[in-house]
């Protein structure tokens, strides 16, 4: 379950941002998760619930936005949406591609309350 390690890393980032911005409570966290990372939203939510316990994010919600994959062929420069197990360019049928989107996990926003 790689979602747990992702949730732990996410919370480390969240707590760092909270400290720098003097937040006493985290209410919502929003992430973008690339399709190619194979994050199962339900499992990620469960991992998030486990790591938020007894923290300033104990009542926070996690919003996950899935990012569709996008690749570009290094040979013919065609951009296309690969499937999880098929990175063949639909134009030249070569598997020499670079991933442009869909392999990332990005912390997009944190909503919380500031300390007084």
PDB file of N, CA and C in Angstrom:
ATOM      1  N   UNK A   1       0.860  -1.181   0.000  1.00  0.00           N
ATOM      2  CA  UNK A   1       0.000   0.000   0.000  1.00  0.00           C
ATOM      3  C   UNK A   1       0.901   1.237   0.000  1.00  0.00           C
ATOM      4  N   UNK A   2       1.222   1.725  -1.199  1.00  0.00           N
ATOM      5  CA  UNK A   2       2.081   2.895  -1.290  1.00  0.00           C
ATOM      6  C   UNK A   2       1.351   4.178  -0.894  1.00  0.00           C
ATOM      7  N   UNK A   3       0.043   4.123  -0.776  1.00  0.00           N
ATOM      8  CA  UNK A   3      -0.716   5.300  -0.353  1.00  0.00           C
ATOM      9  C   UNK A   3      -0.320   5.766   1.041  1.00  0.00           C
ATOM     10  N   UNK A   4       0.040   4.838   1.924  1.00  0.00           N
ATOM     11  CA  UNK A   4       0.433   5.228   3.281  1.00  0.00           C
ATOM     12  C   UNK A   4       1.709   6.068   3.254  1.00  0.00           C
ATOM     13  N   UNK A   5       2.700   5.649   2.490  1.00  0.00           N
ATOM     14  CA  UNK A   5       3.935   6.442   2.432  1.00  0.00           C
ATOM     15  C   UNK A   5       3.681   7.787   1.766  1.00  0.00           C
ATOM     16  N   UNK A   6       2.782   7.831   0.805  1.00  0.00           N
ATOM     17  CA  UNK A   6       2.418   9.107   0.178  1.00  0.00           C
ATOM     18  C   UNK A   6       1.720  10.002   1.191  1.00  0.00           C
ATOM     19  N   UNK A   7       0.811   9.435   1.972  1.00  0.00           N
ATOM     20  CA  UNK A   7       0.092  10.213   2.991  1.00  0.00           C
ATOM     21  C   UNK A   7       1.054  10.767   4.047  1.00  0.00           C
ATOM     22  N   UNK A   8       2.022   9.957   4.455  1.00  0.00           N
ATOM     23  CA  UNK A   8       3.011  10.416   5.443  1.00  0.00           C
ATOM     24  C   UNK A   8       3.816  11.574   4.871  1.00  0.00           C
ATOM     25  N   UNK A   9       4.297  11.440   3.643  1.00  0.00           N
ATOM     26  CA  UNK A   9       5.053  12.518   3.005  1.00  0.00           C
ATOM     27  C   UNK A   9       4.217  13.766   2.814  1.00  0.00           C
ATOM     28  N   UNK A  10       2.965  13.577   2.443  1.00  0.00           N
ATOM     29  CA  UNK A  10       2.044  14.704   2.272  1.00  0.00           C
ATOM     30  C   UNK A  10       1.882  15.468   3.583  1.00  0.00           C
ATOM     31  N   UNK A  11       1.669  14.742   4.672  1.00  0.00           N
ATOM     32  CA  UNK A  11       1.469  15.404   5.956  1.00  0.00           C
ATOM     33  C   UNK A  11       2.726  16.133   6.420  1.00  0.00           C
ATOM     34  N   UNK A  12       3.903  15.618   6.092  1.00  0.00           N
ATOM     35  CA  UNK A  12       5.131  16.333   6.425  1.00  0.00           C
ATOM     36  C   UNK A  12       5.146  17.693   5.727  1.00  0.00           C
ATOM     37  N   UNK A  13       4.754  17.710   4.452  1.00  0.00           N
ATOM     38  CA  UNK A  13       4.674  18.977   3.716  1.00  0.00           C
ATOM     39  C   UNK A  13       3.618  19.901   4.311  1.00  0.00           C
ATOM     40  N   UNK A  14       2.467  19.343   4.638  1.00  0.00           N
ATOM     41  CA  UNK A  14       1.370  20.131   5.202  1.00  0.00           C
ATOM     42  C   UNK A  14       1.790  20.767   6.524  1.00  0.00           C
ATOM     43  N   UNK A  15       2.427  19.996   7.385  1.00  0.00           N
ATOM     44  CA  UNK A  15       2.852  20.541   8.682  1.00  0.00           C
ATOM     45  C   UNK A  15       3.921  21.609   8.510  1.00  0.00           C
ATOM     46  N   UNK A  16       4.782  21.453   7.531  1.00  0.00           N
ATOM     47  CA  UNK A  16       5.799  22.468   7.248  1.00  0.00           C
ATOM     48  C   UNK A  16       5.142  23.771   6.792  1.00  0.00           C
ATOM     49  N   UNK A  17       4.179  23.667   5.892  1.00  0.00           N
ATOM     50  CA  UNK A  17       3.454  24.857   5.417  1.00  0.00           C
ATOM     51  C   UNK A  17       2.669  25.490   6.565  1.00  0.00           C
ATOM     52  N   UNK A  18       2.029  24.663   7.382  1.00  0.00           N
ATOM     53  CA  UNK A  18       1.246  25.164   8.515  1.00  0.00           C
ATOM     54  C   UNK A  18       2.135  25.943   9.485  1.00  0.00           C
ATOM     55  N   UNK A  19       3.305  25.415   9.770  1.00  0.00           N
ATOM     56  CA  UNK A  19       4.216  26.089  10.691  1.00  0.00           C
ATOM     57  C   UNK A  19       4.681  27.430  10.124  1.00  0.00           C
ATOM     58  N   UNK A  20       5.025  27.445   8.840  1.00  0.00           N
ATOM     59  CA  UNK A  20       5.503  28.676   8.204  1.00  0.00           C
ATOM     60  C   UNK A  20       4.418  29.744   8.113  1.00  0.00           C
ATOM     61  N   UNK A  21       3.157  29.300   8.082  1.00  0.00           N
ATOM     62  CA  UNK A  21       2.035  30.229   7.946  1.00  0.00           C
ATOM     63  C   UNK A  21       1.237  30.395   9.231  1.00  0.00           C
ATOM     64  N   UNK A  22       1.784  29.893  10.325  1.00  0.00           N
ATOM     65  CA  UNK A  22       1.190  30.076  11.645  1.00  0.00           C
ATOM     66  C   UNK A  22      -0.261  29.553  11.713  1.00  0.00           C
ATOM     67  N   UNK A  23      -0.478  28.357  11.150  1.00  0.00           N
ATOM     68  CA  UNK A  23      -1.812  27.763  11.181  1.00  0.00           C
ATOM     69  C   UNK A  23      -1.955  26.890  12.421  1.00  0.00           C
ATOM     70  N   UNK A  24      -3.086  27.044  13.102  1.00  0.00           N
ATOM     71  CA  UNK A  24      -3.344  26.230  14.288  1.00  0.00           C
ATOM     72  C   UNK A  24      -4.231  25.031  13.981  1.00  0.00           C
ATOM     73  N   UNK A  25      -4.906  25.083  12.833  1.00  0.00           N
ATOM     74  CA  UNK A  25      -5.796  23.994  12.441  1.00  0.00           C
ATOM     75  C   UNK A  25      -5.846  23.911  10.924  1.00  0.00           C
ATOM     76  N   UNK A  26      -5.808  22.689  10.411  1.00  0.00           N
ATOM     77  CA  UNK A  26      -5.939  22.444   8.975  1.00  0.00           C
ATOM     78  C   UNK A  26      -7.352  21.927   8.731  1.00  0.00           C
ATOM     79  N   UNK A  27      -8.050  22.552   7.764  1.00  0.00           N
ATOM     80  CA  UNK A  27      -9.431  22.168   7.480  1.00  0.00           C
ATOM     81  C   UNK A  27      -9.570  21.344   6.201  1.00  0.00           C
ATOM     82  N   UNK A  28      -8.769  21.678   5.188  1.00  0.00           N
ATOM     83  CA  UNK A  28      -8.861  20.958   3.923  1.00  0.00           C
ATOM     84  C   UNK A  28      -7.502  20.939   3.233  1.00  0.00           C
ATOM     85  N   UNK A  29      -7.216  19.814   2.610  1.00  0.00           N
ATOM     86  CA  UNK A  29      -5.991  19.641   1.831  1.00  0.00           C
ATOM     87  C   UNK A  29      -6.425  19.169   0.456  1.00  0.00           C
ATOM     88  N   UNK A  30      -5.858  19.789  -0.570  1.00  0.00           N
ATOM     89  CA  UNK A  30      -6.177  19.394  -1.939  1.00  0.00           C
ATOM     90  C   UNK A  30      -4.900  18.969  -2.648  1.00  0.00           C
ATOM     91  N   UNK A  31      -4.953  17.801  -3.288  1.00  0.00           N
ATOM     92  CA  UNK A  31      -3.801  17.327  -4.053  1.00  0.00           C
ATOM     93  C   UNK A  31      -4.232  16.978  -5.476  1.00  0.00           C
ATOM     94  N   UNK A  32      -3.268  17.028  -6.376  1.00  0.00           N
ATOM     95  CA  UNK A  32      -3.439  16.488  -7.716  1.00  0.00           C
ATOM     96  C   UNK A  32      -2.607  15.220  -7.778  1.00  0.00           C
ATOM     97  N   UNK A  33      -3.233  14.141  -8.208  1.00  0.00           N
ATOM     98  CA  UNK A  33      -2.549  12.850  -8.289  1.00  0.00           C
ATOM     99  C   UNK A  33      -2.643  12.328  -9.715  1.00  0.00           C
ATOM    100  N   UNK A  34      -1.494  12.132 -10.319  1.00  0.00           N
ATOM    101  CA  UNK A  34      -1.458  11.625 -11.680  1.00  0.00           C
ATOM    102  C   UNK A  34      -1.954  10.198 -11.774  1.00  0.00           C
ATOM    103  N   UNK A  35      -2.681   9.913 -12.825  1.00  0.00           N
ATOM    104  CA  UNK A  35      -3.239   8.579 -13.067  1.00  0.00           C
ATOM    105  C   UNK A  35      -2.162   7.497 -13.047  1.00  0.00           C
ATOM    106  N   UNK A  36      -0.980   7.818 -13.559  1.00  0.00           N
ATOM    107  CA  UNK A  36       0.090   6.821 -13.640  1.00  0.00           C
ATOM    108  C   UNK A  36       0.673   6.460 -12.282  1.00  0.00           C
ATOM    109  N   UNK A  37       0.391   7.251 -11.257  1.00  0.00           N
ATOM    110  CA  UNK A  37       0.855   6.928  -9.903  1.00  0.00           C
ATOM    111  C   UNK A  37       0.040   5.803  -9.279  1.00  0.00           C
ATOM    112  N   UNK A  38      -1.075   5.473  -9.891  1.00  0.00           N
ATOM    113  CA  UNK A  38      -1.948   4.370  -9.473  1.00  0.00           C
ATOM    114  C   UNK A  38      -2.419   4.508  -8.026  1.00  0.00           C
ATOM    115  N   UNK A  39      -2.789   5.690  -7.655  1.00  0.00           N
ATOM    116  CA  UNK A  39      -3.345   5.909  -6.314  1.00  0.00           C
ATOM    117  C   UNK A  39      -4.815   5.519  -6.326  1.00  0.00           C
ATOM    118  N   UNK A  40      -5.182   4.684  -5.392  1.00  0.00           N
ATOM    119  CA  UNK A  40      -6.588   4.298  -5.234  1.00  0.00           C
ATOM    120  C   UNK A  40      -7.194   5.301  -4.247  1.00  0.00           C
ATOM    121  N   UNK A  41      -8.130   6.144  -4.709  1.00  0.00           N
ATOM    122  CA  UNK A  41      -8.659   7.205  -3.847  1.00  0.00           C
ATOM    123  C   UNK A  41      -9.168   6.722  -2.492  1.00  0.00           C
ATOM    124  N   UNK A  42      -9.880   5.604  -2.469  1.00  0.00           N
ATOM    125  CA  UNK A  42     -10.420   5.104  -1.206  1.00  0.00           C
ATOM    126  C   UNK A  42      -9.292   4.703  -0.244  1.00  0.00           C
ATOM    127  N   UNK A  43      -8.261   4.092  -0.775  1.00  0.00           N
ATOM    128  CA  UNK A  43      -7.128   3.677   0.054  1.00  0.00           C
ATOM    129  C   UNK A  43      -6.358   4.915   0.526  1.00  0.00           C
ATOM    130  N   UNK A  44      -6.219   5.896  -0.355  1.00  0.00           N
ATOM    131  CA  UNK A  44      -5.538   7.132   0.022  1.00  0.00           C
ATOM    132  C   UNK A  44      -6.307   7.854   1.125  1.00  0.00           C
ATOM    133  N   UNK A  45      -7.619   7.859   1.036  1.00  0.00           N
ATOM    134  CA  UNK A  45      -8.438   8.491   2.081  1.00  0.00           C
ATOM    135  C   UNK A  45      -8.235   7.780   3.416  1.00  0.00           C
ATOM    136  N   UNK A  46      -8.178   6.463   3.400  1.00  0.00           N
ATOM    137  CA  UNK A  46      -7.969   5.704   4.639  1.00  0.00           C
ATOM    138  C   UNK A  46      -6.583   5.975   5.227  1.00  0.00           C
ATOM    139  N   UNK A  47      -5.579   6.043   4.374  1.00  0.00           N
ATOM    140  CA  UNK A  47      -4.228   6.361   4.844  1.00  0.00           C
ATOM    141  C   UNK A  47      -4.195   7.763   5.436  1.00  0.00           C
ATOM    142  N   UNK A  48      -4.876   8.706   4.783  1.00  0.00           N
ATOM    143  CA  UNK A  48      -4.948  10.078   5.278  1.00  0.00           C
ATOM    144  C   UNK A  48      -5.615  10.129   6.658  1.00  0.00           C
ATOM    145  N   UNK A  49      -6.707   9.390   6.822  1.00  0.00           N
ATOM    146  CA  UNK A  49      -7.391   9.358   8.123  1.00  0.00           C
ATOM    147  C   UNK A  49      -6.453   8.863   9.219  1.00  0.00           C
ATOM    148  N   UNK A  50      -5.612   7.892   8.883  1.00  0.00           N
ATOM    149  CA  UNK A  50      -4.688   7.331   9.879  1.00  0.00           C
ATOM    150  C   UNK A  50      -3.597   8.329  10.262  1.00  0.00           C
ATOM    151  N   UNK A  51      -3.033   9.039   9.279  1.00  0.00           N
ATOM    152  CA  UNK A  51      -1.910   9.932   9.589  1.00  0.00           C
ATOM    153  C   UNK A  51      -2.339  11.290  10.152  1.00  0.00           C
ATOM    154  N   UNK A  52      -3.594  11.633  10.014  1.00  0.00           N
ATOM    155  CA  UNK A  52      -4.040  12.941  10.529  1.00  0.00           C
ATOM    156  C   UNK A  52      -4.403  12.899  12.018  1.00  0.00           C
ATOM    157  N   UNK A  53      -4.556  11.683  12.578  1.00  0.00           N
ATOM    158  CA  UNK A  53      -4.962  11.534  13.979  1.00  0.00           C
ATOM    159  C   UNK A  53      -4.004  12.271  14.904  1.00  0.00           C
ATOM    160  N   UNK A  54      -4.571  12.901  15.908  1.00  0.00           N
ATOM    161  CA  UNK A  54      -3.812  13.593  16.956  1.00  0.00           C
ATOM    162  C   UNK A  54      -2.877  14.664  16.399  1.00  0.00           C
ATOM    163  N   UNK A  55      -3.306  15.317  15.317  1.00  0.00           N
ATOM    164  CA  UNK A  55      -2.527  16.409  14.731  1.00  0.00           C
ATOM    165  C   UNK A  55      -3.448  17.614  14.529  1.00  0.00           C
ATOM    166  N   UNK A  56      -2.873  18.705  14.036  1.00  0.00           N
ATOM    167  CA  UNK A  56      -3.703  19.882  13.741  1.00  0.00           C
ATOM    168  C   UNK A  56      -4.597  19.653  12.524  1.00  0.00           C
ATOM    169  N   UNK A  57      -4.435  18.508  11.867  1.00  0.00           N
ATOM    170  CA  UNK A  57      -5.271  18.157  10.713  1.00  0.00           C
ATOM    171  C   UNK A  57      -6.294  17.079  11.055  1.00  0.00           C
ATOM    172  N   UNK A  58      -6.525  16.845  12.347  1.00  0.00           N
ATOM    173  CA  UNK A  58      -7.377  15.727  12.772  1.00  0.00           C
ATOM    174  C   UNK A  58      -8.798  15.799  12.224  1.00  0.00           C
ATOM    175  N   UNK A  59      -9.295  16.996  11.876  1.00  0.00           N
ATOM    176  CA  UNK A  59     -10.640  17.134  11.318  1.00  0.00           C
ATOM    177  C   UNK A  59     -10.630  17.514   9.845  1.00  0.00           C
ATOM    178  N   UNK A  60      -9.456  17.493   9.238  1.00  0.00           N
ATOM    179  CA  UNK A  60      -9.316  17.934   7.850  1.00  0.00           C
ATOM    180  C   UNK A  60      -9.893  16.924   6.864  1.00  0.00           C
ATOM    181  N   UNK A  61     -10.276  17.435   5.709  1.00  0.00           N
ATOM    182  CA  UNK A  61     -10.700  16.588   4.603  1.00  0.00           C
ATOM    183  C   UNK A  61      -9.610  16.607   3.534  1.00  0.00           C
ATOM    184  N   UNK A  62      -9.553  15.550   2.760  1.00  0.00           N
ATOM    185  CA  UNK A  62      -8.592  15.437   1.676  1.00  0.00           C
ATOM    186  C   UNK A  62      -9.351  15.389   0.360  1.00  0.00           C
ATOM    187  N   UNK A  63      -9.030  16.316  -0.520  1.00  0.00           N
ATOM    188  CA  UNK A  63      -9.639  16.356  -1.853  1.00  0.00           C
ATOM    189  C   UNK A  63      -8.574  15.893  -2.844  1.00  0.00           C
ATOM    190  N   UNK A  64      -8.909  14.870  -3.626  1.00  0.00           N
ATOM    191  CA  UNK A  64      -7.978  14.302  -4.593  1.00  0.00           C
ATOM    192  C   UNK A  64      -8.501  14.575  -6.003  1.00  0.00           C
ATOM    193  N   UNK A  65      -7.681  15.238  -6.801  1.00  0.00           N
ATOM    194  CA  UNK A  65      -8.022  15.507  -8.201  1.00  0.00           C
ATOM    195  C   UNK A  65      -7.104  14.641  -9.062  1.00  0.00           C
ATOM    196  N   UNK A  66      -7.697  13.753  -9.848  1.00  0.00           N
ATOM    197  CA  UNK A  66      -6.889  12.877 -10.695  1.00  0.00           C
ATOM    198  C   UNK A  66      -6.489  13.600 -11.981  1.00  0.00           C
ATOM    199  N   UNK A  67      -5.210  13.499 -12.328  1.00  0.00           N
ATOM    200  CA  UNK A  67      -4.667  14.123 -13.530  1.00  0.00           C
ATOM    201  C   UNK A  67      -4.479  13.039 -14.589  1.00  0.00           C
ATOM    202  N   UNK A  68      -5.086  13.249 -15.738  1.00  0.00           N
ATOM    203  CA  UNK A  68      -4.968  12.279 -16.832  1.00  0.00           C
ATOM    204  C   UNK A  68      -3.542  12.273 -17.382  1.00  0.00           C
ATOM    205  N   UNK A  69      -3.090  11.126 -17.871  1.00  0.00           N
ATOM    206  CA  UNK A  69      -1.732  11.058 -18.414  1.00  0.00           C
ATOM    207  C   UNK A  69      -1.634  11.712 -19.790  1.00  0.00           C
ATOM    208  N   UNK A  70      -0.468  12.270 -20.062  1.00  0.00           N
ATOM    209  CA  UNK A  70      -0.167  12.841 -21.370  1.00  0.00           C
ATOM    210  C   UNK A  70       1.301  12.563 -21.656  1.00  0.00           C
ATOM    211  N   UNK A  71       1.557  11.983 -22.822  1.00  0.00           N
ATOM    212  CA  UNK A  71       2.926  11.673 -23.230  1.00  0.00           C
ATOM    213  C   UNK A  71       3.205  12.312 -24.581  1.00  0.00           C
ATOM    214  N   UNK A  72       4.506  12.431 -24.870  1.00  0.00           N
ATOM    215  CA  UNK A  72       4.932  12.938 -26.172  1.00  0.00           C
ATOM    216  C   UNK A  72       5.977  11.985 -26.737  1.00  0.00           C
ATOM    217  N   UNK A  73       5.797  11.608 -27.984  1.00  0.00           N
ATOM    218  CA  UNK A  73       6.742  10.729 -28.651  1.00  0.00           C
ATOM    219  C   UNK A  73       8.029  11.502 -28.936  1.00  0.00           C
ATOM    220  N   UNK A  74       9.147  10.925 -28.552  1.00  0.00           N
ATOM    221  CA  UNK A  74      10.439  11.566 -28.798  1.00  0.00           C
ATOM    222  C   UNK A  74      10.853  11.494 -30.265  1.00  0.00           C
ATOM    223  N   UNK A  75      10.196  10.645 -31.038  1.00  0.00           N
ATOM    224  CA  UNK A  75      10.549  10.478 -32.448  1.00  0.00           C
ATOM    225  C   UNK A  75       9.729  11.408 -33.342  1.00  0.00           C
ATOM    226  N   UNK A  76       8.397  11.290 -33.258  1.00  0.00           N
ATOM    227  CA  UNK A  76       7.548  12.088 -34.163  1.00  0.00           C
ATOM    228  C   UNK A  76       6.894  13.284 -33.484  1.00  0.00           C
ATOM    229  N   UNK A  77       7.090  13.431 -32.176  1.00  0.00           N
ATOM    230  CA  UNK A  77       6.579  14.560 -31.381  1.00  0.00           C
ATOM    231  C   UNK A  77       5.063  14.569 -31.203  1.00  0.00           C
ATOM    232  N   UNK A  78       4.395  13.483 -31.549  1.00  0.00           N
ATOM    233  CA  UNK A  78       2.953  13.359 -31.336  1.00  0.00           C
ATOM    234  C   UNK A  78       2.666  13.294 -29.840  1.00  0.00           C
ATOM    235  N   UNK A  79       1.704  14.087 -29.372  1.00  0.00           N
ATOM    236  CA  UNK A  79       1.255  14.005 -27.988  1.00  0.00           C
ATOM    237  C   UNK A  79       0.021  13.107 -27.946  1.00  0.00           C
ATOM    238  N   UNK A  80      -0.030  12.249 -26.927  1.00  0.00           N
ATOM    239  CA  UNK A  80      -1.145  11.320 -26.822  1.00  0.00           C
ATOM    240  C   UNK A  80      -1.340  10.913 -25.367  1.00  0.00           C
ATOM    241  N   UNK A  81      -2.505  10.328 -25.112  1.00  0.00           N
ATOM    242  CA  UNK A  81      -2.831   9.861 -23.769  1.00  0.00           C
ATOM    243  C   UNK A  81      -2.565   8.359 -23.704  1.00  0.00           C
ATOM    244  N   UNK A  82      -1.483   7.967 -22.996  1.00  0.00           N
ATOM    245  CA  UNK A  82      -1.183   6.531 -22.908  1.00  0.00           C
ATOM    246  C   UNK A  82      -2.114   5.836 -21.919  1.00  0.00           C
ATOM    247  N   UNK A  83      -2.213   4.535 -22.085  1.00  0.00           N
ATOM    248  CA  UNK A  83      -2.906   3.757 -21.060  1.00  0.00           C
ATOM    249  C   UNK A  83      -1.841   3.289 -20.077  1.00  0.00           C
ATOM    250  N   UNK A  84      -2.259   2.690 -19.015  1.00  0.00           N
ATOM    251  CA  UNK A  84      -1.332   2.286 -17.964  1.00  0.00           C
ATOM    252  C   UNK A  84      -0.254   1.329 -18.459  1.00  0.00           C
ATOM    253  N   UNK A  85      -0.602   0.450 -19.371  1.00  0.00           N
ATOM    254  CA  UNK A  85       0.349  -0.553 -19.860  1.00  0.00           C
ATOM    255  C   UNK A  85       0.705  -0.395 -21.332  1.00  0.00           C
ATOM    256  N   UNK A  86       0.390   0.743 -21.936  1.00  0.00           N
ATOM    257  CA  UNK A  86       0.656   0.919 -23.362  1.00  0.00           C
ATOM    258  C   UNK A  86       1.162   2.334 -23.633  1.00  0.00           C
ATOM    259  N   UNK A  87       2.460   2.431 -23.858  1.00  0.00           N
ATOM    260  CA  UNK A  87       3.079   3.720 -24.159  1.00  0.00           C
ATOM    261  C   UNK A  87       3.527   3.806 -25.608  1.00  0.00           C
ATOM    262  N   UNK A  88       2.948   2.977 -26.471  1.00  0.00           N
ATOM    263  CA  UNK A  88       3.277   3.050 -27.887  1.00  0.00           C
ATOM    264  C   UNK A  88       2.646   4.287 -28.501  1.00  0.00           C
ATOM    265  N   UNK A  89       3.434   5.007 -29.286  1.00  0.00           N
ATOM    266  CA  UNK A  89       2.916   6.173 -29.991  1.00  0.00           C
ATOM    267  C   UNK A  89       1.878   5.703 -31.012  1.00  0.00           C
ATOM    268  N   UNK A  90       0.707   6.304 -31.050  1.00  0.00           N
ATOM    269  CA  UNK A  90      -0.318   5.868 -31.996  1.00  0.00           C
ATOM    270  C   UNK A  90       0.030   6.206 -33.450  1.00  0.00           C
ATOM    271  N   UNK A  91       0.985   7.114 -33.647  1.00  0.00           N
ATOM    272  CA  UNK A  91       1.360   7.508 -34.999  1.00  0.00           C
ATOM    273  C   UNK A  91       2.491   6.651 -35.564  1.00  0.00           C
ATOM    274  N   UNK A  92       3.618   6.581 -34.849  1.00  0.00           N
ATOM    275  CA  UNK A  92       4.778   5.851 -35.382  1.00  0.00           C
ATOM    276  C   UNK A  92       4.985   4.481 -34.739  1.00  0.00           C
ATOM    277  N   UNK A  93       4.171   4.151 -33.722  1.00  0.00           N
ATOM    278  CA  UNK A  93       4.188   2.849 -33.049  1.00  0.00           C
ATOM    279  C   UNK A  93       5.499   2.552 -32.333  1.00  0.00           C
ATOM    280  N   UNK A  94       6.197   3.580 -31.887  1.00  0.00           N
ATOM    281  CA  UNK A  94       7.422   3.421 -31.100  1.00  0.00           C
ATOM    282  C   UNK A  94       7.096   3.713 -29.631  1.00  0.00           C
ATOM    283  N   UNK A  95       7.864   3.107 -28.746  1.00  0.00           N
ATOM    284  CA  UNK A  95       7.650   3.325 -27.310  1.00  0.00           C
ATOM    285  C   UNK A  95       8.741   4.215 -26.734  1.00  0.00           C
ATOM    286  N   UNK A  96       9.156   5.197 -27.497  1.00  0.00           N
ATOM    287  CA  UNK A  96      10.185   6.153 -27.079  1.00  0.00           C
ATOM    288  C   UNK A  96       9.469   7.464 -26.740  1.00  0.00           C
ATOM    289  N   UNK A  97       8.987   7.553 -25.498  1.00  0.00           N
ATOM    290  CA  UNK A  97       8.147   8.695 -25.122  1.00  0.00           C
ATOM    291  C   UNK A  97       8.634   9.333 -23.825  1.00  0.00           C
ATOM    292  N   UNK A  98       8.220  10.558 -23.619  1.00  0.00           N
ATOM    293  CA  UNK A  98       8.402  11.201 -22.319  1.00  0.00           C
ATOM    294  C   UNK A  98       7.015  11.507 -21.768  1.00  0.00           C
ATOM    295  N   UNK A  99       6.890  11.364 -20.476  1.00  0.00           N
ATOM    296  CA  UNK A  99       5.624  11.628 -19.794  1.00  0.00           C
ATOM    297  C   UNK A  99       5.568  13.113 -19.479  1.00  0.00           C
ATOM    298  N   UNK A 100       4.531  13.783 -19.947  1.00  0.00           N
ATOM    299  CA  UNK A 100       4.344  15.210 -19.701  1.00  0.00           C
ATOM    300  C   UNK A 100       3.457  15.466 -18.485  1.00  0.00           C
ATOM    301  N   UNK A 101       2.449  14.627 -18.301  1.00  0.00           N
ATOM    302  CA  UNK A 101       1.507  14.750 -17.183  1.00  0.00           C
ATOM    303  C   UNK A 101       1.056  13.363 -16.768  1.00  0.00           C
ATOM    304  N   UNK A 102       0.609  13.286 -15.518  1.00  0.00           N
ATOM    305  CA  UNK A 102      -0.003  12.054 -15.052  1.00  0.00           C
ATOM    306  C   UNK A 102       0.859  11.212 -14.150  1.00  0.00           C
ATOM    307  N   UNK A 103       2.091  11.661 -13.865  1.00  0.00           N
ATOM    308  CA  UNK A 103       2.979  10.898 -12.990  1.00  0.00           C
ATOM    309  C   UNK A 103       3.324  11.688 -11.729  1.00  0.00           C
ATOM    310  N   UNK A 104       2.572  12.732 -11.465  1.00  0.00           N
ATOM    311  CA  UNK A 104       2.894  13.635 -10.363  1.00  0.00           C
ATOM    312  C   UNK A 104       1.926  13.503  -9.199  1.00  0.00           C
ATOM    313  N   UNK A 105       2.407  13.957  -8.054  1.00  0.00           N
ATOM    314  CA  UNK A 105       1.547  14.187  -6.900  1.00  0.00           C
ATOM    315  C   UNK A 105       1.904  15.582  -6.420  1.00  0.00           C
ATOM    316  N   UNK A 106       0.932  16.487  -6.466  1.00  0.00           N
ATOM    317  CA  UNK A 106       1.188  17.886  -6.155  1.00  0.00           C
ATOM    318  C   UNK A 106       0.249  18.352  -5.050  1.00  0.00           C
ATOM    319  N   UNK A 107       0.821  18.955  -4.034  1.00  0.00           N
ATOM    320  CA  UNK A 107       0.029  19.598  -2.992  1.00  0.00           C
ATOM    321  C   UNK A 107      -0.442  20.929  -3.552  1.00  0.00           C
ATOM    322  N   UNK A 108      -1.739  21.033  -3.842  1.00  0.00           N
ATOM    323  CA  UNK A 108      -2.285  22.221  -4.491  1.00  0.00           C
ATOM    324  C   UNK A 108      -2.702  23.296  -3.506  1.00  0.00           C
ATOM    325  N   UNK A 109      -3.345  22.900  -2.418  1.00  0.00           N
ATOM    326  CA  UNK A 109      -3.796  23.930  -1.473  1.00  0.00           C
ATOM    327  C   UNK A 109      -4.022  23.339  -0.090  1.00  0.00           C
ATOM    328  N   UNK A 110      -3.929  24.237   0.882  1.00  0.00           N
ATOM    329  CA  UNK A 110      -4.207  23.919   2.281  1.00  0.00           C
ATOM    330  C   UNK A 110      -5.086  25.030   2.811  1.00  0.00           C
ATOM    331  N   UNK A 111      -6.194  24.657   3.417  1.00  0.00           N
ATOM    332  CA  UNK A 111      -7.050  25.636   4.071  1.00  0.00           C
ATOM    333  C   UNK A 111      -7.013  25.377   5.556  1.00  0.00           C
ATOM    334  N   UNK A 112      -6.890  26.439   6.306  1.00  0.00           N
ATOM    335  CA  UNK A 112      -6.813  26.279   7.747  1.00  0.00           C
ATOM    336  C   UNK A 112      -7.075  27.575   8.472  1.00  0.00           C
ATOM    337  N   UNK A 113      -6.945  27.515   9.806  1.00  0.00           N
ATOM    338  CA  UNK A 113      -7.158  28.683  10.650  1.00  0.00           C
ATOM    339  C   UNK A 113      -5.816  29.111  11.248  1.00  0.00           C
ATOM    340  N   UNK A 114      -5.591  30.407  11.213  1.00  0.00           N
ATOM    341  CA  UNK A 114      -4.352  30.960  11.766  1.00  0.00           C
ATOM    342  C   UNK A 114      -4.424  31.056  13.279  1.00  0.00           C
ATOM    343  N   UNK A 115      -3.248  30.968  13.904  1.00  0.00           N
ATOM    344  CA  UNK A 115      -3.162  31.216  15.339  1.00  0.00           C
ATOM    345  C   UNK A 115      -3.347  32.697  15.576  1.00  0.00           C
ATOM    346  N   UNK A 116      -3.917  33.028  16.721  1.00  0.00           N
ATOM    347  CA  UNK A 116      -4.144  34.453  17.033  1.00  0.00           C
ATOM    348  C   UNK A 116      -2.974  35.035  17.752  1.00  0.00           C
TER     349      UNK A 116
END
